[in-house]
């Protein structure tokens, strides 16, 4: 049959046998029936499973569980009766059905676990009541009456402030960790106060003038602490708490025992606790005895005996004796100083001075005590040379007339800082220098046999040079004759001193 423009297709080519359409309709209906049967079987199986789960669940959680199961069933029926034609929407609703099923299953399984935990806790409390808090039973009763979705919640406390409650960790809320009993006061009474104990030790100084007293302070002896502790800790709960608050590993116990043994053998410990008994071995056979003994030792180690050294106190009799002896010692010191000063200050002949210099240089006597100040003699001893001046009638500026000199000191050997001290030049006093004389082509000073020096234009007396040296430069303090007598030195009873004569004299003792 032809098809005209603007006409819809029809005719034999578009016709389908009725039997074929019926087959398609029947197949679709059978598939729908099978799907309904399968879903009904699944629901029935889940109903049985849920029924079994509810017998294991906490009673308080069943209403919520039933509601979740009902939500799942209803969503499954709705999807079955009115499936969306859109494939994506169908998948979305199917996932929602599965989510509700999983939520119901999770809720039931968790309720069953919580019920098992609560039953185990009740059994544990019955078996070891002191291992749990006194509030354990009331807590479990309150927990059983609380749906699992409300284990964590915020409530208003007695003070009107919000507070967080968490019942999730059942053991954390009911197991007793031992901190429920405060032993601070018990320890305070057992330890006592640090007071003076033992026998004080007096130590006399080497000079016998002072005595220092050493005392010792300490708390109650370890044995007394242990007795007080044992009397104060009574009852199962207090005992259990004490053991839990004082846990010691074997390694810790070994270290405490070792340190306590060292402390016990120390001089301080023996002075403070002279008769301290040993801890009996039986103390360590029980958990409570072990905890008490080790904790007492630990306290003793943390608070060892203290050594208190007193302030030195004078021994009156010894001090009086010492002052008398010191007075005598001071007098002798001044006496020896006076004689030493006399030795330094007394004039020496040229030969004696040279002998003293020889002794000082070769034997090594004390320079300060034995330096008489004759600087010209020092230069002659070190740099003096022999010269030939034996001609009869030899005259040096009218000073030396045929006299044999002791020697000659070249001016080049004299330190520049000593030149003016020796030659007498003093600009302020308008004193002219005694210039060196030339002998055999060398400038210097001729040394007479009495030690005086002779220059080109005058004599240089050795005593004058020594006086200037003592006055201006020597470390030893030489005083003038009229001041440097023995006057002013304190002498003890029975001793005398020489009168001042205006000259240096030795200090004598009768």
Protein backbone atom coordinates (compact mmCIF):
# COMPACT_ATOMS: atom_id res chain seq x y z
CA UNK A 1 0.00 0.00 0.00
CA UNK A 2 1.38 3.42 -0.89
CA UNK A 3 2.29 6.23 1.46
CA UNK A 4 1.03 9.63 0.64
CA UNK A 5 2.63 12.88 1.64
CA UNK A 6 1.50 14.03 5.02
CA UNK A 7 0.14 10.63 5.93
CA UNK A 8 1.28 8.49 8.87
CA UNK A 9 2.68 5.12 8.13
CA UNK A 10 0.22 2.27 8.35
CA UNK A 11 -0.57 -0.87 6.50
CA UNK A 12 0.57 -4.49 6.59
CA UNK A 13 4.21 -3.58 6.88
CA UNK A 14 3.52 -2.08 10.35
CA UNK A 15 1.19 -4.72 11.64
CA UNK A 16 2.37 -7.29 14.32
CA UNK A 17 0.72 -10.55 15.13
CA UNK A 18 -1.38 -10.57 18.33
CA UNK A 19 0.34 -13.68 19.68
CA UNK A 20 3.74 -11.95 19.72
CA UNK A 21 2.39 -8.99 21.73
CA UNK A 22 0.81 -11.36 24.20
CA UNK A 23 4.12 -13.16 24.69
CA UNK A 24 5.90 -9.90 25.50
CA UNK A 25 3.24 -8.88 27.98
CA UNK A 26 3.29 -12.27 29.65
CA UNK A 27 7.12 -12.21 29.93
CA UNK A 28 7.10 -8.78 31.54
CA UNK A 29 4.45 -9.84 34.04
CA UNK A 30 6.31 -13.04 34.94
CA UNK A 31 9.52 -11.04 35.54
CA UNK A 32 7.59 -8.68 37.78
CA UNK A 33 6.18 -11.57 39.78
CA UNK A 34 9.63 -13.16 40.15
CA UNK A 35 11.08 -9.89 41.32
CA UNK A 36 8.31 -9.48 43.91
CA UNK A 37 8.80 -13.04 45.11
CA UNK A 38 12.56 -12.57 45.42
CA UNK A 39 12.16 -9.34 47.37
CA UNK A 40 9.55 -10.90 49.64
CA UNK A 41 11.90 -13.78 50.33
CA UNK A 42 14.69 -11.36 51.14
CA UNK A 43 12.44 -9.37 53.48
CA UNK A 44 11.28 -12.56 55.17
CA UNK A 45 14.89 -13.69 55.65
CA UNK A 46 15.87 -10.31 57.03
CA UNK A 47 12.85 -10.32 59.32
CA UNK A 48 14.06 -13.59 60.76
CA UNK A 49 17.55 -12.27 61.17
CA UNK A 50 16.30 -9.07 62.80
CA UNK A 51 14.15 -11.14 65.12
CA UNK A 52 17.18 -13.09 66.23
CA UNK A 53 19.21 -9.88 66.64
CA UNK A 54 16.58 -8.27 68.83
CA UNK A 55 16.95 -11.06 71.36
CA UNK A 56 20.61 -10.09 71.73
CA UNK A 57 20.02 -6.34 71.85
CA UNK A 58 19.61 -3.99 74.78
CA UNK A 59 15.92 -3.45 75.48
CA UNK A 60 16.30 0.32 75.36
CA UNK A 61 17.63 0.15 71.78
CA UNK A 62 14.83 -2.04 70.32
CA UNK A 63 12.36 0.78 69.56
CA UNK A 64 14.93 2.67 67.52
CA UNK A 65 16.01 -0.52 65.82
CA UNK A 66 12.37 -1.36 64.94
CA UNK A 67 11.89 2.09 63.49
CA UNK A 68 14.97 1.77 61.32
CA UNK A 69 13.84 -1.65 60.05
CA UNK A 70 10.38 -0.25 59.27
CA UNK A 71 11.92 2.62 57.31
CA UNK A 72 13.94 0.13 55.31
CA UNK A 73 10.89 -2.09 54.58
CA UNK A 74 8.74 0.80 53.49
CA UNK A 75 11.34 2.18 51.15
CA UNK A 76 11.83 -1.31 49.65
CA UNK A 77 8.05 -1.73 49.09
CA UNK A 78 7.79 1.71 47.52
CA UNK A 79 10.58 0.90 45.13
CA UNK A 80 8.95 -2.41 44.26
CA UNK A 81 5.51 -1.01 43.61
CA UNK A 82 6.49 2.19 41.90
CA UNK A 83 9.87 1.73 40.32
CA UNK A 84 11.07 4.88 38.51
CA UNK A 85 11.19 4.59 34.71
CA UNK A 86 14.44 6.56 34.71
CA UNK A 87 17.32 4.14 35.17
CA UNK A 88 19.49 6.59 37.17
CA UNK A 89 16.65 7.47 39.52
CA UNK A 90 15.97 3.78 40.04
CA UNK A 91 19.62 3.16 41.02
CA UNK A 92 19.55 6.13 43.38
CA UNK A 93 16.45 4.87 45.22
CA UNK A 94 17.86 1.36 45.33
CA UNK A 95 21.05 2.68 47.03
CA UNK A 96 18.91 4.55 49.55
CA UNK A 97 17.12 1.28 50.38
CA UNK A 98 20.48 -0.41 50.91
CA UNK A 99 21.70 2.45 53.14
CA UNK A 100 18.68 2.15 55.42
CA UNK A 101 19.19 -1.59 55.62
CA UNK A 102 22.87 -1.14 56.60
CA UNK A 103 21.92 1.48 59.18
CA UNK A 104 19.45 -0.86 60.84
CA UNK A 105 21.94 -3.72 60.84
CA UNK A 106 24.72 -1.53 62.31
CA UNK A 107 22.44 -0.24 65.04
CA UNK A 108 21.40 -3.76 66.02
CA UNK A 109 24.95 -5.12 65.99
CA UNK A 110 26.26 -2.25 68.14
CA UNK A 111 23.45 -2.65 70.65
CA UNK A 112 24.28 -6.34 70.93
CA UNK A 113 27.98 -5.56 71.59
CA UNK A 114 27.14 -2.95 74.22
CA UNK A 115 24.82 -5.43 75.93
CA UNK A 116 27.61 -8.01 76.05
CA UNK A 117 30.04 -5.43 77.50
CA UNK A 118 27.56 -4.45 80.20
CA UNK A 119 26.97 -8.10 81.16
CA UNK A 120 30.74 -8.71 81.35
CA UNK A 121 31.15 -5.62 83.54
CA UNK A 122 28.47 -6.83 85.95
CA UNK A 123 30.25 -10.20 86.20
CA UNK A 124 33.59 -8.43 86.81
CA UNK A 125 32.15 -6.30 89.61
CA UNK A 126 30.69 -9.37 91.28
CA UNK A 127 34.05 -11.15 91.07
CA UNK A 128 36.29 -8.23 92.20
CA UNK A 129 34.20 -5.43 93.71
CA UNK A 130 37.31 -3.47 94.86
CA UNK A 131 38.72 -3.38 91.38
CA UNK A 132 35.87 -1.09 90.34
CA UNK A 133 34.65 2.29 91.44
CA UNK A 134 31.94 2.53 94.03
CA UNK A 135 29.76 4.17 91.35
CA UNK A 136 30.19 1.25 88.92
CA UNK A 137 26.78 -0.38 89.50
CA UNK A 138 24.81 2.89 89.35
CA UNK A 139 26.68 3.81 86.18
CA UNK A 140 25.79 0.51 84.46
CA UNK A 141 22.13 0.90 85.46
CA UNK A 142 22.06 4.41 84.00
CA UNK A 143 23.84 3.19 80.88
CA UNK A 144 21.33 0.39 80.32
CA UNK A 145 18.56 2.98 80.42
CA UNK A 146 20.29 5.18 77.85
CA UNK A 147 19.95 4.48 74.07
CA UNK A 148 23.29 4.09 72.34
CA UNK A 149 22.68 7.19 70.25
CA UNK A 150 22.67 9.21 73.49
CA UNK A 151 25.88 7.80 75.02
CA UNK A 152 27.53 11.14 74.26
CA UNK A 153 25.48 14.15 75.26
CA UNK A 154 25.69 17.54 76.91
CA UNK A 155 23.64 18.12 80.07
CA UNK A 156 23.31 20.96 82.54
CA UNK A 157 25.18 20.23 85.76
CA UNK A 158 24.24 21.10 89.33
CA UNK A 159 26.17 24.36 89.01
CA UNK A 160 24.05 25.37 86.02
CA UNK A 161 26.91 24.93 83.56
CA UNK A 162 26.89 22.54 80.60
CA UNK A 163 28.92 19.39 81.00
CA UNK A 164 29.85 16.58 78.63
CA UNK A 165 28.83 12.98 79.41
CA UNK A 166 30.40 10.06 77.57
CA UNK A 167 29.20 6.56 78.37
CA UNK A 168 30.90 4.95 75.39
CA UNK A 169 33.95 3.62 77.26
CA UNK A 170 32.35 1.47 79.92
CA UNK A 171 35.62 0.27 81.46
CA UNK A 172 37.03 3.78 81.63
CA UNK A 173 33.98 4.82 83.65
CA UNK A 174 33.86 1.96 86.12
CA UNK A 175 37.34 0.44 86.60
CA UNK A 176 39.11 1.81 89.69
CA UNK A 177 42.63 3.04 88.82
CA UNK A 178 43.50 3.54 92.49
CA UNK A 179 43.39 7.33 92.45
CA UNK A 180 40.16 7.42 94.41
CA UNK A 181 42.01 7.53 97.77
CA UNK A 182 44.28 10.45 98.69
CA UNK A 183 47.21 9.31 100.86
CA UNK A 184 48.75 12.78 101.30
CA UNK A 185 47.77 13.11 104.96
CA UNK A 186 48.81 9.54 105.68
CA UNK A 187 52.27 10.19 104.26
CA UNK A 188 52.52 13.48 106.14
CA UNK A 189 51.89 11.76 109.44
CA UNK A 190 54.20 8.85 108.60
CA UNK A 191 57.09 11.06 107.50
CA UNK A 192 56.80 13.63 110.29
CA UNK A 193 58.91 16.79 110.46
CA UNK A 194 62.60 17.28 109.90
CA UNK A 195 64.09 17.81 113.37
CA UNK A 196 67.50 17.57 115.02
CA UNK A 197 68.45 13.93 115.54
CA UNK A 198 71.52 11.98 116.53
CA UNK A 199 74.56 13.17 118.51
CA UNK A 200 76.15 16.55 117.61
CA UNK A 201 79.84 16.50 116.64
CA UNK A 202 82.23 19.21 117.95
CA UNK A 203 85.24 20.03 115.79
CA UNK A 204 88.05 22.13 117.31
CA UNK A 205 90.11 24.22 114.91
CA UNK A 206 93.84 23.41 114.53
CA UNK A 207 94.76 26.59 116.44
CA UNK A 208 92.35 25.59 119.27
CA UNK A 209 90.69 29.01 119.11
CA UNK A 210 87.23 27.98 117.84
CA UNK A 211 84.84 25.04 118.04
CA UNK A 212 82.35 24.23 115.24
CA UNK A 213 79.35 22.07 116.14
CA UNK A 214 77.85 19.88 113.43
CA UNK A 215 74.26 18.72 113.96
CA UNK A 216 72.00 16.46 111.93
CA UNK A 217 68.35 16.80 110.91
CA UNK A 218 66.04 14.14 109.59
CA UNK A 219 62.43 12.96 109.29
CA UNK A 220 60.98 9.95 111.09
CA UNK A 221 63.08 6.79 110.74
CA UNK A 222 62.03 4.48 107.88
CA UNK A 223 60.90 1.80 110.34
CA UNK A 224 58.59 4.31 112.06
CA UNK A 225 57.23 5.45 108.70
CA UNK A 226 56.41 1.86 107.80
CA UNK A 227 54.59 1.27 111.10
CA UNK A 228 52.51 4.45 110.80
CA UNK A 229 51.68 3.65 107.20
CA UNK A 230 50.51 0.13 108.02
CA UNK A 231 48.29 1.34 110.86
CA UNK A 232 46.67 4.01 108.64
CA UNK A 233 45.93 1.87 105.57
CA UNK A 234 43.10 -0.51 106.35
CA UNK A 235 40.26 -2.00 104.33
CA UNK A 236 40.21 -3.66 100.93
CA UNK A 237 39.59 -0.51 98.91
CA UNK A 238 42.34 1.55 100.58
CA UNK A 239 44.74 -1.37 100.27
CA UNK A 240 43.91 -1.83 96.61
CA UNK A 241 44.33 1.88 95.97
CA UNK A 242 47.71 2.00 97.72
CA UNK A 243 49.04 -0.88 95.64
CA UNK A 244 47.83 0.74 92.42
CA UNK A 245 49.31 4.10 93.35
CA UNK A 246 52.71 2.56 94.10
CA UNK A 247 53.48 0.18 91.23
CA UNK A 248 57.12 -0.85 90.89
CA UNK A 249 58.68 -2.94 88.17
CA UNK A 250 61.38 -5.42 89.13
CA UNK A 251 64.00 -3.08 87.65
CA UNK A 252 62.70 -0.12 89.65
CA UNK A 253 62.59 -2.18 92.83
CA UNK A 254 66.18 -3.33 92.32
CA UNK A 255 67.38 0.26 91.84
CA UNK A 256 65.57 1.48 94.97
CA UNK A 257 67.02 -1.33 97.08
CA UNK A 258 70.53 -0.59 95.83
CA UNK A 259 70.28 3.16 96.49
CA UNK A 260 68.73 2.60 99.93
CA UNK A 261 71.59 0.30 100.90
CA UNK A 262 74.09 3.06 100.03
CA UNK A 263 72.10 5.62 102.00
CA UNK A 264 71.85 3.32 105.02
CA UNK A 265 75.65 2.92 105.12
CA UNK A 266 76.38 6.65 104.87
CA UNK A 267 77.83 8.44 107.97
CA UNK A 268 74.91 10.88 108.01
CA UNK A 269 72.30 8.12 108.08
CA UNK A 270 74.12 6.26 110.85
CA UNK A 271 74.40 9.46 112.89
CA UNK A 272 70.70 10.31 112.55
CA UNK A 273 69.29 6.75 112.79
CA UNK A 274 71.93 4.82 114.79
CA UNK A 275 69.73 1.82 115.57
CA UNK A 276 67.60 1.54 112.44
CA UNK A 277 66.53 -2.10 111.84
CA UNK A 278 66.52 -3.88 108.50
CA UNK A 279 63.36 -4.40 106.44
CA UNK A 280 62.30 -8.06 106.86
CA UNK A 281 62.41 -10.17 103.71
CA UNK A 282 58.79 -11.24 104.24
CA UNK A 283 57.70 -7.65 103.44
CA UNK A 284 58.40 -8.33 99.78
CA UNK A 285 56.33 -11.53 99.52
CA UNK A 286 52.95 -9.78 99.18
CA UNK A 287 51.94 -6.97 96.80
CA UNK A 288 50.91 -4.70 99.71
CA UNK A 289 54.07 -5.34 101.74
CA UNK A 290 56.25 -4.79 98.68
CA UNK A 291 54.48 -1.51 97.84
CA UNK A 292 54.80 -0.23 101.42
CA UNK A 293 58.48 -1.16 101.86
CA UNK A 294 59.61 0.25 98.50
CA UNK A 295 57.57 3.44 98.89
CA UNK A 296 59.07 4.06 102.37
CA UNK A 297 62.59 3.52 100.98
CA UNK A 298 61.80 5.87 98.13
CA UNK A 299 60.67 8.54 100.62
CA UNK A 300 63.86 8.10 102.63
CA UNK A 301 65.97 8.51 99.48
CA UNK A 302 64.08 11.67 98.50
CA UNK A 303 64.55 13.16 101.99
CA UNK A 304 67.99 12.09 103.24
CA UNK A 305 69.44 13.33 106.55
CA UNK A 306 70.78 16.88 106.45
CA UNK A 307 74.16 17.97 107.82
CA UNK A 308 73.95 21.37 109.54
CA UNK A 309 77.37 22.91 110.15
CA UNK A 310 77.25 25.59 112.82
CA UNK A 311 79.13 28.87 113.06
CA UNK A 312 82.58 28.59 114.69
CA UNK A 313 82.47 29.76 118.31
CA UNK A 314 85.47 31.10 120.19
CA UNK A 315 87.09 29.08 122.95
CA UNK A 316 87.60 31.85 125.52
CA UNK A 317 90.56 30.31 127.35
CA UNK A 318 92.37 29.42 124.14
CA UNK A 319 91.78 32.88 122.70
CA UNK A 320 93.36 34.54 125.77
CA UNK A 321 96.40 32.26 125.52
CA UNK A 322 96.61 32.94 121.80
CA UNK A 323 96.55 36.71 122.27
CA UNK A 324 99.41 36.48 124.76
CA UNK A 325 101.43 34.35 122.35
CA UNK A 326 100.54 36.60 119.44
CA UNK A 327 101.72 39.63 121.42
CA UNK A 328 105.05 37.92 122.00
CA UNK A 329 105.22 36.94 118.31
CA UNK A 330 104.50 40.50 117.21
CA UNK A 331 107.17 41.81 119.56
CA UNK A 332 109.72 39.35 118.22
CA UNK A 333 108.80 40.26 114.65
CA UNK A 334 109.44 43.92 115.38
CA UNK A 335 112.61 43.01 117.25
CA UNK A 336 113.94 41.06 114.27
CA UNK A 337 112.85 43.82 111.91
CA UNK A 338 114.75 46.37 113.98
CA UNK A 339 117.89 44.26 113.93
CA UNK A 340 117.45 43.65 110.19
CA UNK A 341 117.12 47.38 109.65
CA UNK A 342 120.23 47.96 111.70
CA UNK A 343 122.10 45.41 109.60
CA UNK A 344 121.07 47.20 106.44
CA UNK A 345 121.59 50.73 107.71
CA UNK A 346 124.95 50.43 109.45
CA UNK A 347 127.93 51.73 107.45
CA UNK A 348 130.20 49.15 105.88
CA UNK A 349 133.81 49.49 105.01
CA UNK A 350 134.73 48.98 101.38
CA UNK A 351 136.13 45.47 101.97
CA UNK A 352 133.10 44.42 104.06
CA UNK A 353 130.72 45.72 101.41
CA UNK A 354 132.52 43.75 98.71
CA UNK A 355 132.33 40.62 100.87
CA UNK A 356 128.54 41.14 101.38
CA UNK A 357 128.08 41.54 97.62
CA UNK A 358 130.06 38.35 97.05
CA UNK A 359 127.87 36.47 99.53
CA UNK A 360 124.69 37.86 98.00
CA UNK A 361 125.73 36.86 94.47
CA UNK A 362 127.28 33.47 95.14
CA UNK A 363 125.40 32.11 98.14
CA UNK A 364 121.99 33.54 97.21
CA UNK A 365 121.08 35.42 100.39
CA UNK A 366 117.97 37.60 100.42
CA UNK A 367 118.65 40.73 98.39
CA UNK A 368 116.22 43.00 100.23
CA UNK A 369 117.62 42.08 103.63
CA UNK A 370 121.29 42.23 102.65
CA UNK A 371 121.51 45.05 100.11
CA UNK A 372 123.35 47.83 101.95
CA UNK A 373 122.85 50.32 99.11
CA UNK A 374 126.49 50.79 98.01
CA UNK A 375 125.80 51.06 94.28
CA UNK A 376 129.38 52.16 93.45
CA UNK A 377 130.70 49.04 95.19
CA UNK A 378 128.33 46.92 93.06
CA UNK A 379 129.69 48.47 89.85
CA UNK A 380 133.30 48.00 90.97
CA UNK A 381 132.63 44.36 91.91
CA UNK A 382 131.10 43.67 88.52
CA UNK A 383 133.03 45.93 86.09
CA UNK A 384 136.16 47.09 87.96
CA UNK A 385 139.52 46.76 86.14
CA UNK A 386 143.08 46.97 87.30
CA UNK A 387 145.25 49.82 85.94
CA UNK A 388 148.97 50.59 86.17
CA UNK A 389 149.40 53.73 88.25
CA UNK A 390 152.56 52.90 90.19
CA UNK A 391 154.59 55.94 89.17
CA UNK A 392 155.94 57.77 92.21
CA UNK A 393 154.42 61.13 92.83
CA UNK A 394 151.22 60.25 90.84
CA UNK A 395 148.67 62.99 91.46
CA UNK A 396 145.05 63.13 90.26
CA UNK A 397 143.72 66.65 90.68
CA UNK A 398 145.39 66.94 94.03
CA UNK A 399 143.36 64.04 95.41
CA UNK A 400 145.64 61.11 94.86
CA UNK A 401 149.33 61.65 95.44
CA UNK A 402 151.20 58.51 94.54
CA UNK A 403 148.41 56.42 96.11
CA UNK A 404 147.83 52.99 94.58
CA UNK A 405 144.17 52.79 93.34
CA UNK A 406 141.89 49.76 93.85
CA UNK A 407 140.91 49.84 90.18
CA UNK A 408 139.09 51.62 87.42
CA UNK A 409 135.39 51.55 86.32
CA UNK A 410 134.74 52.53 82.67
CA UNK A 411 131.90 55.00 82.31
CA UNK A 412 130.52 52.83 79.47
CA UNK A 413 129.66 50.09 82.00
CA UNK A 414 127.49 52.41 84.07
CA UNK A 415 123.77 52.33 83.27
CA UNK A 416 122.53 55.72 82.04
CA UNK A 417 119.94 55.85 84.81
CA UNK A 418 122.73 55.59 87.42
CA UNK A 419 125.14 58.22 85.97
CA UNK A 420 123.65 61.26 87.71
CA UNK A 421 123.09 59.30 90.92
CA UNK A 422 126.84 58.53 91.01
CA UNK A 423 128.39 61.72 89.60
CA UNK A 424 126.29 63.95 91.86
CA UNK A 425 124.62 66.05 89.17
CA UNK A 426 121.43 67.71 90.41
CA UNK A 427 119.95 70.47 88.30
CA UNK A 428 117.46 71.61 90.95
CA UNK A 429 120.15 71.85 93.63
CA UNK A 430 122.57 73.32 91.07
CA UNK A 431 125.11 70.61 91.81
CA UNK A 432 127.68 70.03 89.06
CA UNK A 433 128.64 66.54 87.99
CA UNK A 434 132.02 64.95 88.65
CA UNK A 435 133.07 64.11 85.14
CA UNK A 436 134.92 60.91 84.21
CA UNK A 437 138.67 60.94 83.70
CA UNK A 438 140.51 59.40 80.79
CA UNK A 439 143.04 56.73 81.67
CA UNK A 440 144.94 54.96 78.94
CA UNK A 441 142.45 56.19 76.37
CA UNK A 442 139.35 54.99 78.33
CA UNK A 443 137.01 57.35 80.18
CA UNK A 444 135.84 56.30 83.60
CA UNK A 445 136.38 56.70 87.31
CA UNK A 446 139.37 55.68 89.42
CA UNK A 447 138.39 53.72 92.52
CA UNK A 448 140.42 54.37 95.66
CA UNK A 449 141.21 51.63 98.15
CA UNK A 450 138.63 53.04 100.56
CA UNK A 451 135.94 52.75 97.83
CA UNK A 452 135.55 56.43 96.94
CA UNK A 453 135.66 57.30 93.25
CA UNK A 454 137.84 59.94 91.63
CA UNK A 455 136.86 61.83 88.51
CA UNK A 456 138.37 64.49 86.32
CA UNK A 457 137.16 67.36 88.47
CA UNK A 458 136.56 65.97 91.92
CA UNK A 459 135.92 63.17 94.43
CA UNK A 460 132.77 60.98 94.62
CA UNK A 461 132.41 59.67 98.22
CA UNK A 462 130.77 56.25 98.28
CA UNK A 463 128.72 57.11 101.41
CA UNK A 464 127.21 60.11 99.65
CA UNK A 465 126.21 58.02 96.66
CA UNK A 466 124.76 55.38 98.98
CA UNK A 467 122.72 58.00 100.87
CA UNK A 468 121.22 59.31 97.61
CA UNK A 469 120.48 55.74 96.49
CA UNK A 470 118.70 54.87 99.76
CA UNK A 471 116.74 58.10 99.78
CA UNK A 472 115.47 58.00 96.21
CA UNK A 473 115.41 54.48 94.87
CA UNK A 474 115.85 51.53 97.21
CA UNK A 475 112.89 49.27 98.10
CA UNK A 476 114.11 48.96 101.71
CA UNK A 477 112.84 51.85 103.80
CA UNK A 478 115.84 53.40 105.52
CA UNK A 479 114.97 56.04 108.07
CA UNK A 480 116.99 58.84 109.56
CA UNK A 481 119.08 58.01 112.60
CA UNK A 482 117.05 60.04 115.05
CA UNK A 483 113.80 58.34 113.89
CA UNK A 484 115.05 54.80 113.41
CA UNK A 485 115.74 53.95 117.04
CA UNK A 486 114.05 51.26 119.07
CA UNK A 487 111.61 53.75 120.52
CA UNK A 488 107.99 52.88 119.78
CA UNK A 489 108.38 49.10 119.75
CA UNK A 490 106.11 47.40 122.32
CA UNK A 491 107.93 45.02 124.61
CA UNK A 492 106.35 42.36 126.76
CA UNK A 493 106.79 42.28 130.50
CA UNK A 494 110.26 41.30 131.65
CA UNK A 495 111.91 42.64 128.47
CA UNK A 496 114.01 45.80 128.06
CA UNK A 497 115.11 47.92 125.16
CA UNK A 498 118.23 49.99 124.55
CA UNK A 499 117.94 53.73 124.76
CA UNK A 500 118.22 55.78 121.64
CA UNK A 501 121.70 57.13 121.14
CA UNK A 502 121.09 58.78 117.81
CA UNK A 503 122.85 55.88 116.13
CA UNK A 504 121.64 52.49 114.96
CA UNK A 505 122.08 49.86 117.67
CA UNK A 506 121.01 46.23 117.91
CA UNK A 507 117.77 45.58 119.74
CA UNK A 508 118.62 43.54 122.83
CA UNK A 509 116.62 41.22 125.05
CA UNK A 510 117.64 40.61 128.65
